[in-house]
C-alpha cells in the first residue's frame, strides 16, 4: 500500500477498503491533536479516491497530475476551507461558498472533495451551515473534516461522519522514523520527545528548524520568568499589547508542555518528558513546588490557552494574570 502513512496504517487500510468495496462514506472526521497527521491522511485519501492511474483500487500512484496537485492542495476538484490563521475563525460565508461548489459536478475527478481543516475553529453559524451540507451533499461529493476532537464539534455533525481518531505513535518509534529520514541520533531523540509522538510535528521541525528554536526560546523565557520580579513579568507581557496572538498561542502551548513535565515528575510518574534537554531543571522545579502547585499551574496555563480563542480577550492582560499566578522560584 503506497499511502506513506506512519502510525495510522490501520486508518489507511480502512479507507482503502472503503474505496475497494465501493462503500465510501459521504463524510469523514479525522480527529486528534495538532501535528498528529490528520491533514496528511486526508490528502492521501483524496489521492486514492481520484488517482488517474491507481496500481490497485484505493492505492494512489503519487505520480499522476491529480496526485501531485492534490498533494499541493491545488486540484480543481478539491476545495480547502480553513481559518486564515491557526486559532482564527471559520465563518459561515466560507461554508456557504463551499455549498455552491459542491453543487457542481466534478471537473475531471471521480469526486469533488471538500477538506475542512481545523473545523473546531468554526463558529456556531458555520457549524450549523455545514450540518445542512452534510444532510444534502450531492452523491459525487465527499466532505473530509479535521478537528482536535469530536467533542469540539456539534454532535449532529459528528453523527453524520465516519470518525477516525488518530493518536500519536510511541516516542521510540518516532525517533526511529526520524533517524531513517536523516536526523542525527540526538536530534531524533529530542524532536521525538518535543513532538510527543506526533509525526507531523516532528517532521515539520526538521523541515523548519526555526520551529524548534522557537520552542526552546519559549522554554528559556519561562524559566527566566519564574525567577523574575513582578515588575519584570509585567514588562514581559507588554510584547503582546495590541496583538501577537499567534505568538502567544505558541508560547502557551510550550509552557503547557513544561508544566505537564513538572507535574509528571512531581507525581513520580515514569512518563516520558517532552522537554528532555531540560530534565534537571524540570526535576528541580518539581521538587521545589510539589504536585498540587504544578497541577494548578498546568490548569491555569491550559485555561489561558482556551481563553485566547475568545476574540475579545486582551492578550497582554491574559499574560499578566497568568504570570502573576506563577510561583516565584529562585
C-alpha atoms as a PDB file:
ATOM      1  CA  UNK A   1       0.000   0.000   0.000  1.00  0.00           C
ATOM      2  CA  UNK A   2       1.535   3.282  -1.166  1.00  0.00           C
ATOM      3  CA  UNK A   3      -0.031   5.713   1.311  1.00  0.00           C
ATOM      4  CA  UNK A   4       3.263   6.551   3.053  1.00  0.00           C
ATOM      5  CA  UNK A   5       1.495   6.910   6.401  1.00  0.00           C
ATOM      6  CA  UNK A   6       3.368   6.196   9.636  1.00  0.00           C
ATOM      7  CA  UNK A   7       1.426   5.319  12.772  1.00  0.00           C
ATOM      8  CA  UNK A   8      -2.015   5.343  11.170  1.00  0.00           C
ATOM      9  CA  UNK A   9      -1.720   2.300   8.938  1.00  0.00           C
ATOM     10  CA  UNK A  10      -4.972   0.946  10.369  1.00  0.00           C
ATOM     11  CA  UNK A  11      -6.803   4.075   9.189  1.00  0.00           C
ATOM     12  CA  UNK A  12      -5.226   3.922   5.736  1.00  0.00           C
ATOM     13  CA  UNK A  13      -6.222   0.259   5.432  1.00  0.00           C
ATOM     14  CA  UNK A  14      -9.808   1.038   6.435  1.00  0.00           C
ATOM     15  CA  UNK A  15     -10.090   3.874   3.913  1.00  0.00           C
ATOM     16  CA  UNK A  16      -8.560   1.754   1.181  1.00  0.00           C
ATOM     17  CA  UNK A  17     -11.135  -0.949   1.901  1.00  0.00           C
ATOM     18  CA  UNK A  18     -13.935   1.612   1.608  1.00  0.00           C
ATOM     19  CA  UNK A  19     -12.663   2.564  -1.849  1.00  0.00           C
ATOM     20  CA  UNK A  20     -12.048  -1.010  -2.981  1.00  0.00           C
ATOM     21  CA  UNK A  21     -15.508  -2.170  -1.909  1.00  0.00           C
ATOM     22  CA  UNK A  22     -17.167   0.993  -3.288  1.00  0.00           C
ATOM     23  CA  UNK A  23     -18.535   1.845   0.139  1.00  0.00           C
ATOM     24  CA  UNK A  24     -17.037   5.313   0.520  1.00  0.00           C
ATOM     25  CA  UNK A  25     -18.930   7.386   3.080  1.00  0.00           C
ATOM     26  CA  UNK A  26     -20.130  10.859   2.186  1.00  0.00           C
ATOM     27  CA  UNK A  27     -18.301  12.417   5.173  1.00  0.00           C
ATOM     28  CA  UNK A  28     -15.297  11.579   7.368  1.00  0.00           C
ATOM     29  CA  UNK A  29     -13.961  13.202  10.528  1.00  0.00           C
ATOM     30  CA  UNK A  30     -10.232  12.878  11.265  1.00  0.00           C
ATOM     31  CA  UNK A  31      -9.651  13.844  14.894  1.00  0.00           C
ATOM     32  CA  UNK A  32      -6.518  14.031  17.009  1.00  0.00           C
ATOM     33  CA  UNK A  33      -4.009  16.527  18.403  1.00  0.00           C
ATOM     34  CA  UNK A  34      -2.394  19.079  16.063  1.00  0.00           C
ATOM     35  CA  UNK A  35       0.545  17.631  14.178  1.00  0.00           C
ATOM     36  CA  UNK A  36      -0.628  14.037  14.509  1.00  0.00           C
ATOM     37  CA  UNK A  37      -1.156  13.675  10.747  1.00  0.00           C
ATOM     38  CA  UNK A  38      -4.843  14.461  10.198  1.00  0.00           C
ATOM     39  CA  UNK A  39      -4.320  16.535   7.055  1.00  0.00           C
ATOM     40  CA  UNK A  40      -1.758  14.137   5.580  1.00  0.00           C
ATOM     41  CA  UNK A  41      -4.102  11.173   5.958  1.00  0.00           C
ATOM     42  CA  UNK A  42      -6.984  13.163   4.462  1.00  0.00           C
ATOM     43  CA  UNK A  43      -4.911  14.175   1.435  1.00  0.00           C
ATOM     44  CA  UNK A  44      -3.758  10.581   0.865  1.00  0.00           C
ATOM     45  CA  UNK A  45      -7.409   9.561   0.915  1.00  0.00           C
ATOM     46  CA  UNK A  46      -8.244  12.202  -1.694  1.00  0.00           C
ATOM     47  CA  UNK A  47      -5.368  10.972  -3.853  1.00  0.00           C
ATOM     48  CA  UNK A  48      -6.580   7.393  -3.522  1.00  0.00           C
ATOM     49  CA  UNK A  49     -10.123   8.436  -4.459  1.00  0.00           C
ATOM     50  CA  UNK A  50      -9.194  10.415  -7.556  1.00  0.00           C
ATOM     51  CA  UNK A  51      -5.867   8.947  -8.755  1.00  0.00           C
ATOM     52  CA  UNK A  52      -5.746   8.642 -12.550  1.00  0.00           C
ATOM     53  CA  UNK A  53      -3.562   5.508 -12.538  1.00  0.00           C
ATOM     54  CA  UNK A  54      -4.102   3.596  -9.287  1.00  0.00           C
ATOM     55  CA  UNK A  55      -1.865   0.470  -9.117  1.00  0.00           C
ATOM     56  CA  UNK A  56      -4.698  -1.247  -7.229  1.00  0.00           C
ATOM     57  CA  UNK A  57      -8.120   0.038  -6.078  1.00  0.00           C
ATOM     58  CA  UNK A  58      -7.636   2.503  -3.248  1.00  0.00           C
ATOM     59  CA  UNK A  59      -3.899   2.965  -3.801  1.00  0.00           C
ATOM     60  CA  UNK A  60      -2.668   6.321  -5.174  1.00  0.00           C
ATOM     61  CA  UNK A  61       0.207   6.261  -7.628  1.00  0.00           C
ATOM     62  CA  UNK A  62       1.568   9.524  -6.218  1.00  0.00           C
ATOM     63  CA  UNK A  63       2.919  10.480  -9.647  1.00  0.00           C
ATOM     64  CA  UNK A  64      -0.047  11.425 -11.825  1.00  0.00           C
ATOM     65  CA  UNK A  65      -1.163  15.021 -12.241  1.00  0.00           C
ATOM     66  CA  UNK A  66      -4.130  14.602  -9.891  1.00  0.00           C
ATOM     67  CA  UNK A  67      -1.985  13.086  -7.122  1.00  0.00           C
ATOM     68  CA  UNK A  68       0.622  15.819  -7.379  1.00  0.00           C
ATOM     69  CA  UNK A  69      -1.921  18.646  -7.487  1.00  0.00           C
ATOM     70  CA  UNK A  70      -3.807  17.142  -4.554  1.00  0.00           C
ATOM     71  CA  UNK A  71      -0.575  16.935  -2.524  1.00  0.00           C
ATOM     72  CA  UNK A  72      -0.218  20.712  -3.020  1.00  0.00           C
ATOM     73  CA  UNK A  73      -3.964  21.209  -2.312  1.00  0.00           C
ATOM     74  CA  UNK A  74      -4.333  22.834  -5.718  1.00  0.00           C
ATOM     75  CA  UNK A  75      -6.585  20.463  -7.652  1.00  0.00           C
ATOM     76  CA  UNK A  76      -9.728  21.872  -9.254  1.00  0.00           C
ATOM     77  CA  UNK A  77     -11.977  19.293  -7.582  1.00  0.00           C
ATOM     78  CA  UNK A  78     -10.514  19.834  -4.113  1.00  0.00           C
ATOM     79  CA  UNK A  79     -11.875  22.715  -2.026  1.00  0.00           C
ATOM     80  CA  UNK A  80      -9.948  23.584   1.142  1.00  0.00           C
ATOM     81  CA  UNK A  81     -11.701  25.503   3.925  1.00  0.00           C
ATOM     82  CA  UNK A  82      -9.768  26.769   6.941  1.00  0.00           C
ATOM     83  CA  UNK A  83      -9.312  29.820   9.143  1.00  0.00           C
ATOM     84  CA  UNK A  84      -6.863  32.419   7.838  1.00  0.00           C
ATOM     85  CA  UNK A  85      -4.504  31.681  10.732  1.00  0.00           C
ATOM     86  CA  UNK A  86      -4.324  28.860  13.261  1.00  0.00           C
ATOM     87  CA  UNK A  87      -6.555  29.852  16.142  1.00  0.00           C
ATOM     88  CA  UNK A  88      -8.667  32.032  13.818  1.00  0.00           C
ATOM     89  CA  UNK A  89     -12.319  31.550  12.924  1.00  0.00           C
ATOM     90  CA  UNK A  90     -14.021  29.685  10.080  1.00  0.00           C
ATOM     91  CA  UNK A  91     -17.058  31.744   9.124  1.00  0.00           C
ATOM     92  CA  UNK A  92     -20.444  30.906   7.651  1.00  0.00           C
ATOM     93  CA  UNK A  93     -19.667  32.617   4.330  1.00  0.00           C
ATOM     94  CA  UNK A  94     -16.851  30.132   3.739  1.00  0.00           C
ATOM     95  CA  UNK A  95     -19.240  27.210   4.214  1.00  0.00           C
ATOM     96  CA  UNK A  96     -21.871  28.826   2.005  1.00  0.00           C
ATOM     97  CA  UNK A  97     -19.320  29.274  -0.789  1.00  0.00           C
ATOM     98  CA  UNK A  98     -18.431  25.615  -0.358  1.00  0.00           C
ATOM     99  CA  UNK A  99     -22.081  24.609  -0.708  1.00  0.00           C
ATOM    100  CA  UNK A 100     -22.211  26.276  -4.117  1.00  0.00           C
ATOM    101  CA  UNK A 101     -19.058  24.474  -5.261  1.00  0.00           C
ATOM    102  CA  UNK A 102     -20.294  21.076  -4.085  1.00  0.00           C
ATOM    103  CA  UNK A 103     -23.485  21.517  -6.091  1.00  0.00           C
ATOM    104  CA  UNK A 104     -21.378  21.380  -9.272  1.00  0.00           C
ATOM    105  CA  UNK A 105     -20.314  18.151 -10.928  1.00  0.00           C
ATOM    106  CA  UNK A 106     -16.623  17.227 -10.576  1.00  0.00           C
ATOM    107  CA  UNK A 107     -14.462  18.992 -13.153  1.00  0.00           C
ATOM    108  CA  UNK A 108     -12.379  15.925 -14.032  1.00  0.00           C
ATOM    109  CA  UNK A 109     -12.063  13.661 -10.983  1.00  0.00           C
ATOM    110  CA  UNK A 110     -14.360  10.931  -9.698  1.00  0.00           C
ATOM    111  CA  UNK A 111     -15.338  13.001  -6.690  1.00  0.00           C
ATOM    112  CA  UNK A 112     -15.479  16.639  -5.739  1.00  0.00           C
ATOM    113  CA  UNK A 113     -13.904  16.755  -2.273  1.00  0.00           C
ATOM    114  CA  UNK A 114     -14.178  19.380   0.463  1.00  0.00           C
ATOM    115  CA  UNK A 115     -11.370  19.423   3.024  1.00  0.00           C
ATOM    116  CA  UNK A 116     -12.356  21.399   6.134  1.00  0.00           C
ATOM    117  CA  UNK A 117      -9.219  21.844   8.221  1.00  0.00           C
ATOM    118  CA  UNK A 118      -9.289  22.564  11.984  1.00  0.00           C
ATOM    119  CA  UNK A 119     -13.075  22.785  11.889  1.00  0.00           C
ATOM    120  CA  UNK A 120     -13.177  23.126  15.673  1.00  0.00           C
ATOM    121  CA  UNK A 121     -12.315  26.759  14.830  1.00  0.00           C
ATOM    122  CA  UNK A 122     -15.657  27.224  13.072  1.00  0.00           C
ATOM    123  CA  UNK A 123     -18.193  29.490  14.744  1.00  0.00           C
ATOM    124  CA  UNK A 124     -21.684  28.227  15.562  1.00  0.00           C
ATOM    125  CA  UNK A 125     -23.217  29.596  12.362  1.00  0.00           C
ATOM    126  CA  UNK A 126     -20.584  27.901  10.215  1.00  0.00           C
ATOM    127  CA  UNK A 127     -21.063  24.573  12.025  1.00  0.00           C
ATOM    128  CA  UNK A 128     -24.821  24.746  11.536  1.00  0.00           C
ATOM    129  CA  UNK A 129     -24.311  25.547   7.848  1.00  0.00           C
ATOM    130  CA  UNK A 130     -22.044  22.512   7.495  1.00  0.00           C
ATOM    131  CA  UNK A 131     -24.733  20.355   9.089  1.00  0.00           C
ATOM    132  CA  UNK A 132     -27.113  21.331   6.304  1.00  0.00           C
ATOM    133  CA  UNK A 133     -24.412  20.497   3.749  1.00  0.00           C
ATOM    134  CA  UNK A 134     -23.893  17.075   5.309  1.00  0.00           C
ATOM    135  CA  UNK A 135     -27.615  16.391   5.111  1.00  0.00           C
ATOM    136  CA  UNK A 136     -27.883  17.437   1.458  1.00  0.00           C
ATOM    137  CA  UNK A 137     -24.465  16.587  -0.009  1.00  0.00           C
ATOM    138  CA  UNK A 138     -24.552  15.543  -3.715  1.00  0.00           C
ATOM    139  CA  UNK A 139     -23.730  11.896  -4.454  1.00  0.00           C
ATOM    140  CA  UNK A 140     -20.350  12.684  -6.025  1.00  0.00           C
ATOM    141  CA  UNK A 141     -19.214  14.990  -3.217  1.00  0.00           C
ATOM    142  CA  UNK A 142     -17.231  13.889  -0.168  1.00  0.00           C
ATOM    143  CA  UNK A 143     -16.543  16.017   2.902  1.00  0.00           C
ATOM    144  CA  UNK A 144     -13.400  15.485   4.992  1.00  0.00           C
ATOM    145  CA  UNK A 145     -13.276  17.288   8.334  1.00  0.00           C
ATOM    146  CA  UNK A 146     -10.311  17.588  10.688  1.00  0.00           C
ATOM    147  CA  UNK A 147     -10.597  18.671  14.327  1.00  0.00           C
ATOM    148  CA  UNK A 148      -8.776  18.318  17.632  1.00  0.00           C
ATOM    149  CA  UNK A 149     -11.584  16.153  18.983  1.00  0.00           C
ATOM    150  CA  UNK A 150     -15.164  15.173  18.045  1.00  0.00           C
ATOM    151  CA  UNK A 151     -16.346  16.845  21.250  1.00  0.00           C
ATOM    152  CA  UNK A 152     -15.304  20.213  19.803  1.00  0.00           C
ATOM    153  CA  UNK A 153     -17.994  19.901  17.112  1.00  0.00           C
ATOM    154  CA  UNK A 154     -21.771  19.741  17.155  1.00  0.00           C
ATOM    155  CA  UNK A 155     -22.893  16.198  17.998  1.00  0.00           C
ATOM    156  CA  UNK A 156     -25.137  16.249  14.941  1.00  0.00           C
ATOM    157  CA  UNK A 157     -22.094  16.850  12.716  1.00  0.00           C
ATOM    158  CA  UNK A 158     -20.154  14.009  14.328  1.00  0.00           C
ATOM    159  CA  UNK A 159     -23.091  11.610  13.981  1.00  0.00           C
ATOM    160  CA  UNK A 160     -23.114  12.150  10.207  1.00  0.00           C
ATOM    161  CA  UNK A 161     -19.413  11.402   9.771  1.00  0.00           C
ATOM    162  CA  UNK A 162     -17.278   8.286   9.844  1.00  0.00           C
ATOM    163  CA  UNK A 163     -14.972   9.159  12.755  1.00  0.00           C
ATOM    164  CA  UNK A 164     -11.287   8.175  12.716  1.00  0.00           C
ATOM    165  CA  UNK A 165      -9.495   9.047  15.961  1.00  0.00           C
ATOM    166  CA  UNK A 166      -5.765   9.432  15.315  1.00  0.00           C
ATOM    167  CA  UNK A 167      -3.264   9.161  18.154  1.00  0.00           C
ATOM    168  CA  UNK A 168       0.470   9.867  18.471  1.00  0.00           C
ATOM    169  CA  UNK A 169       2.850   6.978  17.971  1.00  0.00           C
ATOM    170  CA  UNK A 170       5.385   5.928  20.594  1.00  0.00           C
ATOM    171  CA  UNK A 171       8.376   8.207  21.095  1.00  0.00           C
ATOM    172  CA  UNK A 172      10.896   5.400  20.350  1.00  0.00           C
ATOM    173  CA  UNK A 173       9.088   4.586  17.102  1.00  0.00           C
ATOM    174  CA  UNK A 174       9.071   8.243  16.089  1.00  0.00           C
ATOM    175  CA  UNK A 175      12.763   8.541  16.951  1.00  0.00           C
ATOM    176  CA  UNK A 176      13.499   5.586  14.664  1.00  0.00           C
ATOM    177  CA  UNK A 177      11.459   7.187  11.896  1.00  0.00           C
ATOM    178  CA  UNK A 178      13.395  10.453  12.195  1.00  0.00           C
ATOM    179  CA  UNK A 179      16.672   8.541  12.090  1.00  0.00           C
ATOM    180  CA  UNK A 180      15.529   6.934   8.840  1.00  0.00           C
ATOM    181  CA  UNK A 181      14.832  10.417   7.491  1.00  0.00           C
ATOM    182  CA  UNK A 182      18.388  11.562   8.108  1.00  0.00           C
ATOM    183  CA  UNK A 183      18.197  13.066  11.606  1.00  0.00           C
ATOM    184  CA  UNK A 184      21.138  12.622  13.965  1.00  0.00           C
ATOM    185  CA  UNK A 185      20.550  10.355  16.999  1.00  0.00           C
ATOM    186  CA  UNK A 186      20.447  13.341  19.359  1.00  0.00           C
ATOM    187  CA  UNK A 187      18.121  15.321  17.095  1.00  0.00           C
ATOM    188  CA  UNK A 188      15.846  12.320  16.570  1.00  0.00           C
ATOM    189  CA  UNK A 189      15.501  11.680  20.292  1.00  0.00           C
ATOM    190  CA  UNK A 190      14.957  15.343  21.182  1.00  0.00           C
ATOM    191  CA  UNK A 191      12.388  16.057  18.475  1.00  0.00           C
ATOM    192  CA  UNK A 192      10.520  12.812  19.124  1.00  0.00           C
ATOM    193  CA  UNK A 193      10.085  13.914  22.751  1.00  0.00           C
ATOM    194  CA  UNK A 194       9.155  17.512  21.905  1.00  0.00           C
ATOM    195  CA  UNK A 195       6.628  16.323  19.320  1.00  0.00           C
ATOM    196  CA  UNK A 196       5.158  13.893  21.833  1.00  0.00           C
ATOM    197  CA  UNK A 197       4.935  11.156  19.227  1.00  0.00           C
ATOM    198  CA  UNK A 198       3.209  13.382  16.650  1.00  0.00           C
ATOM    199  CA  UNK A 199       4.814  12.508  13.332  1.00  0.00           C
ATOM    200  CA  UNK A 200       3.689  15.632  11.505  1.00  0.00           C
ATOM    201  CA  UNK A 201       5.040  17.976  14.171  1.00  0.00           C
ATOM    202  CA  UNK A 202       8.418  16.236  14.275  1.00  0.00           C
ATOM    203  CA  UNK A 203       8.856  16.222  10.507  1.00  0.00           C
ATOM    204  CA  UNK A 204       7.875  19.875  10.311  1.00  0.00           C
ATOM    205  CA  UNK A 205      10.506  20.790  12.899  1.00  0.00           C
ATOM    206  CA  UNK A 206      13.127  19.041  10.764  1.00  0.00           C
ATOM    207  CA  UNK A 207      11.971  20.879   7.657  1.00  0.00           C
ATOM    208  CA  UNK A 208      11.725  24.207   9.503  1.00  0.00           C
ATOM    209  CA  UNK A 209      14.392  24.293  12.266  1.00  0.00           C
ATOM    210  CA  UNK A 210      13.142  27.681  13.426  1.00  0.00           C
ATOM    211  CA  UNK A 211      10.113  25.924  14.938  1.00  0.00           C
ATOM    212  CA  UNK A 212      12.285  24.005  17.397  1.00  0.00           C
ATOM    213  CA  UNK A 213      14.347  27.129  18.041  1.00  0.00           C
ATOM    214  CA  UNK A 214      11.146  28.974  18.935  1.00  0.00           C
ATOM    215  CA  UNK A 215      10.139  26.143  21.265  1.00  0.00           C
ATOM    216  CA  UNK A 216      13.477  26.375  23.063  1.00  0.00           C
ATOM    217  CA  UNK A 217      13.171  30.148  23.327  1.00  0.00           C
ATOM    218  CA  UNK A 218       9.736  29.931  24.945  1.00  0.00           C
ATOM    219  CA  UNK A 219      11.058  27.386  27.454  1.00  0.00           C
ATOM    220  CA  UNK A 220      14.000  29.669  28.212  1.00  0.00           C
ATOM    221  CA  UNK A 221      11.610  32.587  28.717  1.00  0.00           C
ATOM    222  CA  UNK A 222       9.511  30.554  31.119  1.00  0.00           C
ATOM    223  CA  UNK A 223      12.385  29.592  33.388  1.00  0.00           C
ATOM    224  CA  UNK A 224      13.562  33.194  33.343  1.00  0.00           C
ATOM    225  CA  UNK A 225      10.112  34.451  34.310  1.00  0.00           C
ATOM    226  CA  UNK A 226       9.837  32.062  37.251  1.00  0.00           C
ATOM    227  CA  UNK A 227      12.756  33.849  38.908  1.00  0.00           C
ATOM    228  CA  UNK A 228      11.734  37.328  37.727  1.00  0.00           C
ATOM    229  CA  UNK A 229      10.140  40.078  39.803  1.00  0.00           C
ATOM    230  CA  UNK A 230       6.546  41.177  39.323  1.00  0.00           C
ATOM    231  CA  UNK A 231       7.747  44.282  37.501  1.00  0.00           C
ATOM    232  CA  UNK A 232       9.752  42.215  35.019  1.00  0.00           C
ATOM    233  CA  UNK A 233       6.813  39.889  34.456  1.00  0.00           C
ATOM    234  CA  UNK A 234       4.578  42.834  33.624  1.00  0.00           C
ATOM    235  CA  UNK A 235       7.245  44.197  31.303  1.00  0.00           C
ATOM    236  CA  UNK A 236       7.417  40.832  29.527  1.00  0.00           C
ATOM    237  CA  UNK A 237       3.648  40.842  28.968  1.00  0.00           C
ATOM    238  CA  UNK A 238       3.855  44.189  27.139  1.00  0.00           C
ATOM    239  CA  UNK A 239       5.121  42.456  23.986  1.00  0.00           C
ATOM    240  CA  UNK A 240       1.592  41.102  23.479  1.00  0.00           C
ATOM    241  CA  UNK A 241      -0.033  44.527  23.667  1.00  0.00           C
ATOM    242  CA  UNK A 242      -2.380  45.073  20.739  1.00  0.00           C
ATOM    243  CA  UNK A 243      -1.699  41.726  19.085  1.00  0.00           C
ATOM    244  CA  UNK A 244       0.784  38.891  18.998  1.00  0.00           C
ATOM    245  CA  UNK A 245      -1.968  36.321  19.489  1.00  0.00           C
ATOM    246  CA  UNK A 246      -0.331  33.673  17.314  1.00  0.00           C
ATOM    247  CA  UNK A 247       2.985  34.071  19.145  1.00  0.00           C
ATOM    248  CA  UNK A 248       1.141  33.890  22.456  1.00  0.00           C
ATOM    249  CA  UNK A 249      -0.623  30.708  21.361  1.00  0.00           C
ATOM    250  CA  UNK A 250       2.776  29.151  20.635  1.00  0.00           C
ATOM    251  CA  UNK A 251       4.150  30.315  23.990  1.00  0.00           C
ATOM    252  CA  UNK A 252       1.188  28.987  25.973  1.00  0.00           C
ATOM    253  CA  UNK A 253       1.365  25.637  24.192  1.00  0.00           C
ATOM    254  CA  UNK A 254       5.058  25.298  25.054  1.00  0.00           C
ATOM    255  CA  UNK A 255       4.541  26.455  28.656  1.00  0.00           C
ATOM    256  CA  UNK A 256       1.753  23.906  28.969  1.00  0.00           C
ATOM    257  CA  UNK A 257       4.186  21.173  27.951  1.00  0.00           C
ATOM    258  CA  UNK A 258       6.676  22.338  30.600  1.00  0.00           C
ATOM    259  CA  UNK A 259       4.091  22.317  33.397  1.00  0.00           C
ATOM    260  CA  UNK A 260       2.966  18.886  32.213  1.00  0.00           C
ATOM    261  CA  UNK A 261       6.547  17.621  32.585  1.00  0.00           C
ATOM    262  CA  UNK A 262       6.861  19.219  36.039  1.00  0.00           C
ATOM    263  CA  UNK A 263       3.604  17.661  37.232  1.00  0.00           C
ATOM    264  CA  UNK A 264       4.624  14.229  35.954  1.00  0.00           C
ATOM    265  CA  UNK A 265       7.946  14.459  37.809  1.00  0.00           C
ATOM    266  CA  UNK A 266       6.287  15.740  40.976  1.00  0.00           C
ATOM    267  CA  UNK A 267       3.893  12.793  40.854  1.00  0.00           C
ATOM    268  CA  UNK A 268       6.743  10.322  40.427  1.00  0.00           C
ATOM    269  CA  UNK A 269       5.417   9.259  37.024  1.00  0.00           C
ATOM    270  CA  UNK A 270       7.645   7.356  34.619  1.00  0.00           C
ATOM    271  CA  UNK A 271       6.036   9.078  31.634  1.00  0.00           C
ATOM    272  CA  UNK A 272       8.483  10.354  29.021  1.00  0.00           C
ATOM    273  CA  UNK A 273       9.380  14.020  29.254  1.00  0.00           C
ATOM    274  CA  UNK A 274       8.530  16.382  26.425  1.00  0.00           C
ATOM    275  CA  UNK A 275      11.318  18.832  27.212  1.00  0.00           C
ATOM    276  CA  UNK A 276      14.040  16.231  27.680  1.00  0.00           C
ATOM    277  CA  UNK A 277      17.066  18.592  27.432  1.00  0.00           C
ATOM    278  CA  UNK A 278      15.720  20.449  30.500  1.00  0.00           C
ATOM    279  CA  UNK A 279      15.326  17.310  32.620  1.00  0.00           C
ATOM    280  CA  UNK A 280      17.497  18.564  35.504  1.00  0.00           C
ATOM    281  CA  UNK A 281      15.749  21.946  35.720  1.00  0.00           C
ATOM    282  CA  UNK A 282      12.348  20.310  35.463  1.00  0.00           C
ATOM    283  CA  UNK A 283      13.185  17.916  38.293  1.00  0.00           C
ATOM    284  CA  UNK A 284      14.421  20.782  40.475  1.00  0.00           C
ATOM    285  CA  UNK A 285      11.250  22.764  39.805  1.00  0.00           C
ATOM    286  CA  UNK A 286       9.069  19.735  40.554  1.00  0.00           C
ATOM    287  CA  UNK A 287      10.864  19.187  43.850  1.00  0.00           C
ATOM    288  CA  UNK A 288      10.510  22.838  44.758  1.00  0.00           C
ATOM    289  CA  UNK A 289       6.794  23.380  44.174  1.00  0.00           C
ATOM    290  CA  UNK A 290       5.309  19.887  44.541  1.00  0.00           C
ATOM    291  CA  UNK A 291       2.423  18.090  42.878  1.00  0.00           C
ATOM    292  CA  UNK A 292      -0.508  20.311  43.879  1.00  0.00           C
ATOM    293  CA  UNK A 293       1.166  23.537  42.777  1.00  0.00           C
ATOM    294  CA  UNK A 294       2.363  22.074  39.478  1.00  0.00           C
ATOM    295  CA  UNK A 295      -1.107  20.685  38.750  1.00  0.00           C
ATOM    296  CA  UNK A 296      -2.613  24.108  39.451  1.00  0.00           C
ATOM    297  CA  UNK A 297      -0.134  25.803  37.104  1.00  0.00           C
ATOM    298  CA  UNK A 298      -0.951  23.277  34.390  1.00  0.00           C
ATOM    299  CA  UNK A 299      -4.655  24.030  34.780  1.00  0.00           C
ATOM    300  CA  UNK A 300      -4.208  27.802  34.753  1.00  0.00           C
ATOM    301  CA  UNK A 301      -1.979  27.725  31.673  1.00  0.00           C
ATOM    302  CA  UNK A 302      -4.477  25.486  29.903  1.00  0.00           C
ATOM    303  CA  UNK A 303      -7.304  27.860  30.823  1.00  0.00           C
ATOM    304  CA  UNK A 304      -5.325  30.793  29.433  1.00  0.00           C
ATOM    305  CA  UNK A 305      -4.887  28.929  26.152  1.00  0.00           C
ATOM    306  CA  UNK A 306      -8.633  28.300  25.975  1.00  0.00           C
ATOM    307  CA  UNK A 307      -9.403  31.954  26.713  1.00  0.00           C
ATOM    308  CA  UNK A 308      -7.205  33.010  23.816  1.00  0.00           C
ATOM    309  CA  UNK A 309      -9.853  31.584  21.474  1.00  0.00           C
ATOM    310  CA  UNK A 310     -12.140  34.403  22.615  1.00  0.00           C
ATOM    311  CA  UNK A 311     -11.617  37.187  20.085  1.00  0.00           C
ATOM    312  CA  UNK A 312     -12.446  39.819  22.705  1.00  0.00           C
ATOM    313  CA  UNK A 313      -9.741  38.763  25.174  1.00  0.00           C
ATOM    314  CA  UNK A 314      -6.924  41.224  25.902  1.00  0.00           C
ATOM    315  CA  UNK A 315      -3.751  39.236  25.186  1.00  0.00           C
ATOM    316  CA  UNK A 316      -1.495  41.400  27.320  1.00  0.00           C
ATOM    317  CA  UNK A 317      -3.832  41.236  30.307  1.00  0.00           C
ATOM    318  CA  UNK A 318      -4.178  37.474  29.841  1.00  0.00           C
ATOM    319  CA  UNK A 319      -0.409  37.064  30.154  1.00  0.00           C
ATOM    320  CA  UNK A 320      -0.205  39.435  33.111  1.00  0.00           C
ATOM    321  CA  UNK A 321      -2.802  37.465  35.067  1.00  0.00           C
ATOM    322  CA  UNK A 322      -1.151  34.157  34.213  1.00  0.00           C
ATOM    323  CA  UNK A 323       2.342  35.292  35.199  1.00  0.00           C
ATOM    324  CA  UNK A 324       1.065  36.656  38.494  1.00  0.00           C
ATOM    325  CA  UNK A 325      -0.246  33.175  39.275  1.00  0.00           C
ATOM    326  CA  UNK A 326       3.093  31.523  38.550  1.00  0.00           C
ATOM    327  CA  UNK A 327       5.242  30.810  41.608  1.00  0.00           C
ATOM    328  CA  UNK A 328       8.442  32.688  42.317  1.00  0.00           C
ATOM    329  CA  UNK A 329      11.378  30.311  42.092  1.00  0.00           C
ATOM    330  CA  UNK A 330      14.976  31.314  42.808  1.00  0.00           C
END
